[in-house]
Amino acid sequence: MKDFVTFRYVEAIRSNGVGLLCRVNGKEVWVPYANMATRECTVRRPGDWGLLVIPHWLAVNLELVERAA
């Protein structure tokens, strides 16, 4: 998927109804449900482990990846 980033081994910790608190590469971040690529994601609710697919711009804003030069 163009302009999306896939993270593996993501743990979903808790939900606030609007987003999901996830542990991605050791960092805890809130990911809005509206920004998850739902067909590709396997983390959807607290307790899930698996794939998180989000837009590149969001991954940059959450400091999960560096901005491309």
PDB file of N, CA and C in Angstrom:
ATOM      1  N   MET A   1       0.845  -1.188   0.000  1.00  0.00           N
ATOM      2  CA  MET A   1       0.000   0.000   0.000  1.00  0.00           C
ATOM      3  C   MET A   1       0.885   1.244   0.000  1.00  0.00           C
ATOM      4  N   LYS A   2       0.601   2.120  -0.923  1.00  0.00           N
ATOM      5  CA  LYS A   2       1.401   3.326  -1.066  1.00  0.00           C
ATOM      6  C   LYS A   2       1.142   4.280   0.098  1.00  0.00           C
ATOM      7  N   ASP A   3       2.219   4.870   0.589  1.00  0.00           N
ATOM      8  CA  ASP A   3       2.156   5.869   1.657  1.00  0.00           C
ATOM      9  C   ASP A   3       1.674   5.317   2.995  1.00  0.00           C
ATOM     10  N   PHE A   4       1.789   4.010   3.183  1.00  0.00           N
ATOM     11  CA  PHE A   4       1.473   3.393   4.461  1.00  0.00           C
ATOM     12  C   PHE A   4       2.708   2.680   4.993  1.00  0.00           C
ATOM     13  N   VAL A   5       2.763   2.524   6.305  1.00  0.00           N
ATOM     14  CA  VAL A   5       3.874   1.835   6.960  1.00  0.00           C
ATOM     15  C   VAL A   5       3.297   0.659   7.740  1.00  0.00           C
ATOM     16  N   THR A   6       3.950  -0.492   7.651  1.00  0.00           N
ATOM     17  CA  THR A   6       3.529  -1.684   8.379  1.00  0.00           C
ATOM     18  C   THR A   6       4.512  -1.966   9.500  1.00  0.00           C
ATOM     19  N   PHE A   7       3.979  -2.145  10.701  1.00  0.00           N
ATOM     20  CA  PHE A   7       4.785  -2.516  11.859  1.00  0.00           C
ATOM     21  C   PHE A   7       4.372  -3.915  12.287  1.00  0.00           C
ATOM     22  N   ARG A   8       5.359  -4.745  12.601  1.00  0.00           N
ATOM     23  CA  ARG A   8       5.111  -6.118  13.047  1.00  0.00           C
ATOM     24  C   ARG A   8       5.316  -6.204  14.555  1.00  0.00           C
ATOM     25  N   TYR A   9       4.768  -7.241  15.152  1.00  0.00           N
ATOM     26  CA  TYR A   9       4.938  -7.518  16.582  1.00  0.00           C
ATOM     27  C   TYR A   9       4.450  -6.357  17.448  1.00  0.00           C
ATOM     28  N   VAL A  10       3.332  -5.771  17.070  1.00  0.00           N
ATOM     29  CA  VAL A  10       2.730  -4.668  17.814  1.00  0.00           C
ATOM     30  C   VAL A  10       1.775  -5.242  18.852  1.00  0.00           C
ATOM     31  N   GLU A  11       1.814  -4.667  20.052  1.00  0.00           N
ATOM     32  CA  GLU A  11       0.903  -5.072  21.127  1.00  0.00           C
ATOM     33  C   GLU A  11      -0.123  -3.971  21.351  1.00  0.00           C
ATOM     34  N   ALA A  12      -1.404  -4.324  21.331  1.00  0.00           N
ATOM     35  CA  ALA A  12      -2.471  -3.388  21.661  1.00  0.00           C
ATOM     36  C   ALA A  12      -2.701  -3.450  23.165  1.00  0.00           C
ATOM     37  N   ILE A  13      -2.542  -2.321  23.835  1.00  0.00           N
ATOM     38  CA  ILE A  13      -2.583  -2.286  25.297  1.00  0.00           C
ATOM     39  C   ILE A  13      -3.963  -1.923  25.828  1.00  0.00           C
ATOM     40  N   ARG A  14      -4.528  -0.815  25.327  1.00  0.00           N
ATOM     41  CA  ARG A  14      -5.872  -0.426  25.763  1.00  0.00           C
ATOM     42  C   ARG A  14      -6.511   0.498  24.749  1.00  0.00           C
ATOM     43  N   SER A  15      -7.802   0.704  24.932  1.00  0.00           N
ATOM     44  CA  SER A  15      -8.579   1.530  24.020  1.00  0.00           C
ATOM     45  C   SER A  15      -9.286   2.620  24.810  1.00  0.00           C
ATOM     46  N   ASN A  16      -9.486   3.764  24.163  1.00  0.00           N
ATOM     47  CA  ASN A  16     -10.290   4.815  24.784  1.00  0.00           C
ATOM     48  C   ASN A  16     -11.557   5.072  23.969  1.00  0.00           C
ATOM     49  N   GLY A  17     -11.849   4.177  23.034  1.00  0.00           N
ATOM     50  CA  GLY A  17     -13.022   4.312  22.188  1.00  0.00           C
ATOM     51  C   GLY A  17     -12.744   5.036  20.884  1.00  0.00           C
ATOM     52  N   VAL A  18     -11.763   5.926  20.884  1.00  0.00           N
ATOM     53  CA  VAL A  18     -11.399   6.691  19.692  1.00  0.00           C
ATOM     54  C   VAL A  18     -10.115   6.157  19.073  1.00  0.00           C
ATOM     55  N   GLY A  19      -9.265   5.608  19.934  1.00  0.00           N
ATOM     56  CA  GLY A  19      -7.980   5.098  19.464  1.00  0.00           C
ATOM     57  C   GLY A  19      -7.507   3.930  20.300  1.00  0.00           C
ATOM     58  N   LEU A  20      -6.356   3.411  19.905  1.00  0.00           N
ATOM     59  CA  LEU A  20      -5.783   2.234  20.541  1.00  0.00           C
ATOM     60  C   LEU A  20      -4.367   2.567  20.996  1.00  0.00           C
ATOM     61  N   LEU A  21      -4.082   2.319  22.272  1.00  0.00           N
ATOM     62  CA  LEU A  21      -2.725   2.493  22.779  1.00  0.00           C
ATOM     63  C   LEU A  21      -1.940   1.254  22.388  1.00  0.00           C
ATOM     64  N   CYS A  22      -0.884   1.465  21.598  1.00  0.00           N
ATOM     65  CA  CYS A  22      -0.098   0.355  21.071  1.00  0.00           C
ATOM     66  C   CYS A  22       1.360   0.482  21.487  1.00  0.00           C
ATOM     67  N   ARG A  23       1.999  -0.661  21.680  1.00  0.00           N
ATOM     68  CA  ARG A  23       3.441  -0.689  21.896  1.00  0.00           C
ATOM     69  C   ARG A  23       4.080  -1.090  20.573  1.00  0.00           C
ATOM     70  N   VAL A  24       4.806  -0.137  19.986  1.00  0.00           N
ATOM     71  CA  VAL A  24       5.441  -0.323  18.682  1.00  0.00           C
ATOM     72  C   VAL A  24       6.944  -0.141  18.865  1.00  0.00           C
ATOM     73  N   ASN A  25       7.696  -1.197  18.638  1.00  0.00           N
ATOM     74  CA  ASN A  25       9.157  -1.144  18.804  1.00  0.00           C
ATOM     75  C   ASN A  25       9.559  -0.578  20.163  1.00  0.00           C
ATOM     76  N   GLY A  26       8.824  -0.959  21.214  1.00  0.00           N
ATOM     77  CA  GLY A  26       9.140  -0.536  22.568  1.00  0.00           C
ATOM     78  C   GLY A  26       8.585   0.820  22.961  1.00  0.00           C
ATOM     79  N   LYS A  27       7.915   1.509  22.050  1.00  0.00           N
ATOM     80  CA  LYS A  27       7.362   2.839  22.319  1.00  0.00           C
ATOM     81  C   LYS A  27       5.842   2.760  22.367  1.00  0.00           C
ATOM     82  N   GLU A  28       5.235   3.386  23.383  1.00  0.00           N
ATOM     83  CA  GLU A  28       3.778   3.400  23.492  1.00  0.00           C
ATOM     84  C   GLU A  28       3.220   4.643  22.812  1.00  0.00           C
ATOM     85  N   VAL A  29       2.273   4.425  21.897  1.00  0.00           N
ATOM     86  CA  VAL A  29       1.666   5.525  21.146  1.00  0.00           C
ATOM     87  C   VAL A  29       0.165   5.283  20.993  1.00  0.00           C
ATOM     88  N   TRP A  30      -0.587   6.373  20.956  1.00  0.00           N
ATOM     89  CA  TRP A  30      -2.018   6.290  20.679  1.00  0.00           C
ATOM     90  C   TRP A  30      -2.227   6.377  19.175  1.00  0.00           C
ATOM     91  N   VAL A  31      -2.961   5.426  18.637  1.00  0.00           N
ATOM     92  CA  VAL A  31      -3.250   5.387  17.202  1.00  0.00           C
ATOM     93  C   VAL A  31      -4.763   5.505  17.026  1.00  0.00           C
ATOM     94  N   PRO A  32      -5.231   6.569  16.352  1.00  0.00           N
ATOM     95  CA  PRO A  32      -6.669   6.699  16.115  1.00  0.00           C
ATOM     96  C   PRO A  32      -7.188   5.561  15.234  1.00  0.00           C
ATOM     97  N   TYR A  33      -8.327   5.002  15.625  1.00  0.00           N
ATOM     98  CA  TYR A  33      -8.926   3.936  14.811  1.00  0.00           C
ATOM     99  C   TYR A  33      -9.154   4.404  13.371  1.00  0.00           C
ATOM    100  N   ALA A  34      -9.522   5.674  13.213  1.00  0.00           N
ATOM    101  CA  ALA A  34      -9.820   6.212  11.884  1.00  0.00           C
ATOM    102  C   ALA A  34      -8.615   6.174  10.949  1.00  0.00           C
ATOM    103  N   ASN A  35      -7.403   6.080  11.514  1.00  0.00           N
ATOM    104  CA  ASN A  35      -6.195   6.083  10.692  1.00  0.00           C
ATOM    105  C   ASN A  35      -5.581   4.703  10.499  1.00  0.00           C
ATOM    106  N   MET A  36      -6.227   3.673  10.994  1.00  0.00           N
ATOM    107  CA  MET A  36      -5.708   2.317  10.812  1.00  0.00           C
ATOM    108  C   MET A  36      -6.228   1.738   9.497  1.00  0.00           C
ATOM    109  N   ALA A  37      -5.344   1.073   8.767  1.00  0.00           N
ATOM    110  CA  ALA A  37      -5.765   0.359   7.556  1.00  0.00           C
ATOM    111  C   ALA A  37      -6.408  -0.941   8.031  1.00  0.00           C
ATOM    112  N   THR A  38      -7.708  -0.902   8.272  1.00  0.00           N
ATOM    113  CA  THR A  38      -8.395  -1.981   8.986  1.00  0.00           C
ATOM    114  C   THR A  38      -8.315  -3.345   8.319  1.00  0.00           C
ATOM    115  N   ARG A  39      -8.280  -3.398   7.016  1.00  0.00           N
ATOM    116  CA  ARG A  39      -8.208  -4.713   6.353  1.00  0.00           C
ATOM    117  C   ARG A  39      -6.865  -5.386   6.571  1.00  0.00           C
ATOM    118  N   GLU A  40      -5.816  -4.592   6.698  1.00  0.00           N
ATOM    119  CA  GLU A  40      -4.474  -5.139   6.842  1.00  0.00           C
ATOM    120  C   GLU A  40      -4.056  -5.326   8.297  1.00  0.00           C
ATOM    121  N   CYS A  41      -4.614  -4.540   9.210  1.00  0.00           N
ATOM    122  CA  CYS A  41      -4.227  -4.604  10.628  1.00  0.00           C
ATOM    123  C   CYS A  41      -4.748  -5.876  11.283  1.00  0.00           C
ATOM    124  N   THR A  42      -3.921  -6.455  12.138  1.00  0.00           N
ATOM    125  CA  THR A  42      -4.385  -7.581  12.949  1.00  0.00           C
ATOM    126  C   THR A  42      -4.496  -7.187  14.414  1.00  0.00           C
ATOM    127  N   VAL A  43      -4.098  -5.950  14.754  1.00  0.00           N
ATOM    128  CA  VAL A  43      -4.337  -5.434  16.103  1.00  0.00           C
ATOM    129  C   VAL A  43      -5.547  -4.508  16.021  1.00  0.00           C
ATOM    130  N   ARG A  44      -6.586  -4.872  16.760  1.00  0.00           N
ATOM    131  CA  ARG A  44      -7.832  -4.111  16.707  1.00  0.00           C
ATOM    132  C   ARG A  44      -8.395  -3.797  18.086  1.00  0.00           C
ATOM    133  N   ARG A  45      -7.974  -4.604  19.083  1.00  0.00           N
ATOM    134  CA  ARG A  45      -8.523  -4.408  20.437  1.00  0.00           C
ATOM    135  C   ARG A  45      -7.451  -4.760  21.450  1.00  0.00           C
ATOM    136  N   PRO A  46      -7.600  -4.274  22.688  1.00  0.00           N
ATOM    137  CA  PRO A  46      -6.601  -4.569  23.722  1.00  0.00           C
ATOM    138  C   PRO A  46      -6.354  -6.070  23.845  1.00  0.00           C
ATOM    139  N   GLY A  47      -5.076  -6.423  23.955  1.00  0.00           N
ATOM    140  CA  GLY A  47      -4.680  -7.822  24.065  1.00  0.00           C
ATOM    141  C   GLY A  47      -4.205  -8.423  22.757  1.00  0.00           C
ATOM    142  N   ASP A  48      -4.539  -7.768  21.641  1.00  0.00           N
ATOM    143  CA  ASP A  48      -4.100  -8.268  20.333  1.00  0.00           C
ATOM    144  C   ASP A  48      -2.608  -8.033  20.127  1.00  0.00           C
ATOM    145  N   TRP A  49      -1.990  -8.926  19.378  1.00  0.00           N
ATOM    146  CA  TRP A  49      -0.599  -8.810  18.928  1.00  0.00           C
ATOM    147  C   TRP A  49      -0.596  -8.997  17.425  1.00  0.00           C
ATOM    148  N   GLY A  50       0.228  -8.250  16.722  1.00  0.00           N
ATOM    149  CA  GLY A  50       0.325  -8.493  15.285  1.00  0.00           C
ATOM    150  C   GLY A  50       0.731  -7.283  14.488  1.00  0.00           C
ATOM    151  N   LEU A  51       0.063  -7.114  13.340  1.00  0.00           N
ATOM    152  CA  LEU A  51       0.407  -6.062  12.384  1.00  0.00           C
ATOM    153  C   LEU A  51      -0.396  -4.793  12.630  1.00  0.00           C
ATOM    154  N   LEU A  52       0.305  -3.666  12.518  1.00  0.00           N
ATOM    155  CA  LEU A  52      -0.329  -2.350  12.546  1.00  0.00           C
ATOM    156  C   LEU A  52       0.066  -1.653  11.255  1.00  0.00           C
ATOM    157  N   VAL A  53      -0.929  -1.191  10.501  1.00  0.00           N
ATOM    158  CA  VAL A  53      -0.678  -0.494   9.239  1.00  0.00           C
ATOM    159  C   VAL A  53      -1.309   0.888   9.345  1.00  0.00           C
ATOM    160  N   ILE A  54      -0.452   1.921   9.250  1.00  0.00           N
ATOM    161  CA  ILE A  54      -0.913   3.302   9.395  1.00  0.00           C
ATOM    162  C   ILE A  54      -0.281   4.166   8.301  1.00  0.00           C
ATOM    163  N   PRO A  55      -0.877   5.334   8.029  1.00  0.00           N
ATOM    164  CA  PRO A  55      -0.293   6.232   7.031  1.00  0.00           C
ATOM    165  C   PRO A  55       1.113   6.681   7.444  1.00  0.00           C
ATOM    166  N   HIS A  56       1.953   6.881   6.448  1.00  0.00           N
ATOM    167  CA  HIS A  56       3.334   7.307   6.710  1.00  0.00           C
ATOM    168  C   HIS A  56       3.367   8.610   7.503  1.00  0.00           C
ATOM    169  N   TRP A  57       2.504   9.575   7.158  1.00  0.00           N
ATOM    170  CA  TRP A  57       2.505  10.859   7.857  1.00  0.00           C
ATOM    171  C   TRP A  57       2.233  10.676   9.345  1.00  0.00           C
ATOM    172  N   LEU A  58       1.360   9.731   9.707  1.00  0.00           N
ATOM    173  CA  LEU A  58       1.061   9.489  11.115  1.00  0.00           C
ATOM    174  C   LEU A  58       2.251   8.834  11.804  1.00  0.00           C
ATOM    175  N   ALA A  59       2.889   7.895  11.136  1.00  0.00           N
ATOM    176  CA  ALA A  59       4.081   7.255  11.702  1.00  0.00           C
ATOM    177  C   ALA A  59       5.172   8.290  11.967  1.00  0.00           C
ATOM    178  N   VAL A  60       5.301   9.279  11.081  1.00  0.00           N
ATOM    179  CA  VAL A  60       6.273  10.364  11.293  1.00  0.00           C
ATOM    180  C   VAL A  60       5.859  11.201  12.499  1.00  0.00           C
ATOM    181  N   ASN A  61       4.581  11.583  12.568  1.00  0.00           N
ATOM    182  CA  ASN A  61       4.092  12.405  13.686  1.00  0.00           C
ATOM    183  C   ASN A  61       4.236  11.703  15.028  1.00  0.00           C
ATOM    184  N   LEU A  62       4.089  10.379  15.045  1.00  0.00           N
ATOM    185  CA  LEU A  62       4.228   9.606  16.282  1.00  0.00           C
ATOM    186  C   LEU A  62       5.687   9.252  16.573  1.00  0.00           C
ATOM    187  N   GLU A  63       6.577   9.714  15.692  1.00  0.00           N
ATOM    188  CA  GLU A  63       8.020   9.473  15.810  1.00  0.00           C
ATOM    189  C   GLU A  63       8.362   7.984  15.788  1.00  0.00           C
ATOM    190  N   LEU A  64       7.637   7.241  14.951  1.00  0.00           N
ATOM    191  CA  LEU A  64       7.913   5.817  14.762  1.00  0.00           C
ATOM    192  C   LEU A  64       8.855   5.597  13.582  1.00  0.00           C
ATOM    193  N   VAL A  65       8.875   6.547  12.666  1.00  0.00           N
ATOM    194  CA  VAL A  65       9.809   6.540  11.533  1.00  0.00           C
ATOM    195  C   VAL A  65      10.313   7.963  11.337  1.00  0.00           C
ATOM    196  N   GLU A  66      11.423   8.073  10.631  1.00  0.00           N
ATOM    197  CA  GLU A  66      11.968   9.396  10.336  1.00  0.00           C
ATOM    198  C   GLU A  66      11.360   9.929   9.049  1.00  0.00           C
ATOM    199  N   ARG A  67      11.284  11.228   8.994  1.00  0.00           N
ATOM    200  CA  ARG A  67      10.775  11.882   7.791  1.00  0.00           C
ATOM    201  C   ARG A  67      11.772  11.660   6.662  1.00  0.00           C
ATOM    202  N   ALA A  68      11.272  11.360   5.481  1.00  0.00           N
ATOM    203  CA  ALA A  68      12.157  11.141   4.325  1.00  0.00           C
ATOM    204  C   ALA A  68      12.833  12.454   3.944  1.00  0.00           C
ATOM    205  N   ALA A  69      14.092  12.362   3.570  1.00  0.00           N
ATOM    206  CA  ALA A  69      14.852  13.574   3.202  1.00  0.00           C
ATOM    207  C   ALA A  69      14.455  14.071   1.832  1.00  0.00           C
TER     208      ALA A  69
END
